[in-house]
Amino acid sequence: MKRIRINALASDIIISIYVIVTLYFRFKLESKTTTSPFESVIMGVCFVVIIWALIKLKVLNPNWFGLFNSKKG
């Protein structure tokens, strides 16, 4: 069984789009309904857990746009 692995740049772009869309969704939903801060935090944690699970399963392989690369030598 072959796993799906997405390269680093595509993973960075997918994660960026996911974060922007989920933030937009949360702001839109929370402005139209009455949600408590606790519900908002739980919703945010659920969205983060989805990305975390995809990274742990090695489906997404973020490079963080090269921000943490240390060049030696």
C-alpha atoms as a PDB file:
ATOM      1  CA  MET A   1       0.000   0.000   0.000  1.00  0.00           C
ATOM      2  CA  LYS A   2       1.519   3.253  -1.134  1.00  0.00           C
ATOM      3  CA  ARG A   3       1.088   6.340   1.006  1.00  0.00           C
ATOM      4  CA  ILE A   4       0.273   9.721  -0.388  1.00  0.00           C
ATOM      5  CA  ARG A   5       3.137  12.160   0.223  1.00  0.00           C
ATOM      6  CA  ILE A   6       2.877  15.764  -0.791  1.00  0.00           C
ATOM      7  CA  ASN A   7       6.105  17.663  -1.427  1.00  0.00           C
ATOM      8  CA  ALA A   8       7.287  20.476   0.843  1.00  0.00           C
ATOM      9  CA  LEU A   9       6.214  23.509  -1.189  1.00  0.00           C
ATOM     10  CA  ALA A  10       2.760  22.085  -1.920  1.00  0.00           C
ATOM     11  CA  SER A  11       2.375  21.198   1.769  1.00  0.00           C
ATOM     12  CA  ASP A  12       3.260  24.764   2.765  1.00  0.00           C
ATOM     13  CA  ILE A  13       0.707  26.166   0.328  1.00  0.00           C
ATOM     14  CA  ILE A  14      -2.013  23.723   1.423  1.00  0.00           C
ATOM     15  CA  ILE A  15      -1.429  24.519   5.105  1.00  0.00           C
ATOM     16  CA  SER A  16      -1.481  28.276   4.428  1.00  0.00           C
ATOM     17  CA  ILE A  17      -4.733  28.071   2.481  1.00  0.00           C
ATOM     18  CA  TYR A  18      -6.244  25.790   5.152  1.00  0.00           C
ATOM     19  CA  VAL A  19      -5.386  28.249   7.933  1.00  0.00           C
ATOM     20  CA  ILE A  20      -6.807  31.224   6.021  1.00  0.00           C
ATOM     21  CA  VAL A  21     -10.027  29.393   5.102  1.00  0.00           C
ATOM     22  CA  THR A  22     -10.605  28.047   8.614  1.00  0.00           C
ATOM     23  CA  LEU A  23      -9.994  31.464  10.176  1.00  0.00           C
ATOM     24  CA  TYR A  24     -12.435  33.032   7.713  1.00  0.00           C
ATOM     25  CA  PHE A  25     -14.963  30.289   8.488  1.00  0.00           C
ATOM     26  CA  ARG A  26     -14.554  30.783  12.245  1.00  0.00           C
ATOM     27  CA  PHE A  27     -14.897  34.575  12.075  1.00  0.00           C
ATOM     28  CA  LYS A  28     -17.929  34.334   9.795  1.00  0.00           C
ATOM     29  CA  LEU A  29     -19.619  31.658  11.913  1.00  0.00           C
ATOM     30  CA  GLU A  30     -18.875  33.339  15.231  1.00  0.00           C
ATOM     31  CA  SER A  31     -20.175  36.705  14.054  1.00  0.00           C
ATOM     32  CA  LYS A  32     -23.516  35.200  13.003  1.00  0.00           C
ATOM     33  CA  THR A  33     -24.047  32.962  16.030  1.00  0.00           C
ATOM     34  CA  THR A  34     -23.519  33.411  19.715  1.00  0.00           C
ATOM     35  CA  THR A  35     -20.546  31.264  20.607  1.00  0.00           C
ATOM     36  CA  SER A  36     -18.696  31.321  23.874  1.00  0.00           C
ATOM     37  CA  PRO A  37     -14.921  31.694  24.028  1.00  0.00           C
ATOM     38  CA  PHE A  38     -14.701  28.061  25.123  1.00  0.00           C
ATOM     39  CA  GLU A  39     -16.532  26.887  21.995  1.00  0.00           C
ATOM     40  CA  SER A  40     -14.281  29.047  19.854  1.00  0.00           C
ATOM     41  CA  VAL A  41     -11.151  27.539  21.391  1.00  0.00           C
ATOM     42  CA  ILE A  42     -12.487  23.999  20.943  1.00  0.00           C
ATOM     43  CA  MET A  43     -13.262  24.708  17.290  1.00  0.00           C
ATOM     44  CA  GLY A  44      -9.755  26.096  16.761  1.00  0.00           C
ATOM     45  CA  VAL A  45      -8.149  23.093  18.446  1.00  0.00           C
ATOM     46  CA  CYS A  46     -10.156  20.726  16.237  1.00  0.00           C
ATOM     47  CA  PHE A  47      -8.933  22.509  13.108  1.00  0.00           C
ATOM     48  CA  VAL A  48      -5.325  22.376  14.330  1.00  0.00           C
ATOM     49  CA  VAL A  49      -5.585  18.664  15.191  1.00  0.00           C
ATOM     50  CA  ILE A  50      -6.569  17.875  11.595  1.00  0.00           C
ATOM     51  CA  ILE A  51      -3.389  19.503  10.240  1.00  0.00           C
ATOM     52  CA  TRP A  52      -1.272  17.973  13.017  1.00  0.00           C
ATOM     53  CA  ALA A  53      -2.571  14.488  12.191  1.00  0.00           C
ATOM     54  CA  LEU A  54      -1.802  14.916   8.477  1.00  0.00           C
ATOM     55  CA  ILE A  55       1.750  16.028   9.323  1.00  0.00           C
ATOM     56  CA  LYS A  56       2.248  13.117  11.765  1.00  0.00           C
ATOM     57  CA  LEU A  57       0.992  10.643   9.150  1.00  0.00           C
ATOM     58  CA  LYS A  58       3.560  12.145   6.744  1.00  0.00           C
ATOM     59  CA  VAL A  59       0.892  13.102   4.215  1.00  0.00           C
ATOM     60  CA  LEU A  60       1.920  16.733   4.532  1.00  0.00           C
ATOM     61  CA  ASN A  61       5.639  17.475   4.709  1.00  0.00           C
ATOM     62  CA  PRO A  62       5.950  21.160   5.522  1.00  0.00           C
ATOM     63  CA  ASN A  63       9.177  23.032   5.022  1.00  0.00           C
ATOM     64  CA  TRP A  64       7.701  26.192   6.589  1.00  0.00           C
ATOM     65  CA  PHE A  65       8.775  28.109   3.465  1.00  0.00           C
ATOM     66  CA  GLY A  66      12.420  27.545   4.393  1.00  0.00           C
ATOM     67  CA  LEU A  67      12.250  29.638   7.545  1.00  0.00           C
ATOM     68  CA  PHE A  68      13.959  27.095   9.787  1.00  0.00           C
ATOM     69  CA  ASN A  69      16.640  25.811   7.423  1.00  0.00           C
ATOM     70  CA  SER A  70      20.101  26.278   8.824  1.00  0.00           C
ATOM     71  CA  LYS A  71      22.859  26.229   6.248  1.00  0.00           C
ATOM     72  CA  LYS A  72      26.071  24.774   7.535  1.00  0.00           C
ATOM     73  CA  GLY A  73      29.422  25.332   5.996  1.00  0.00           C
END
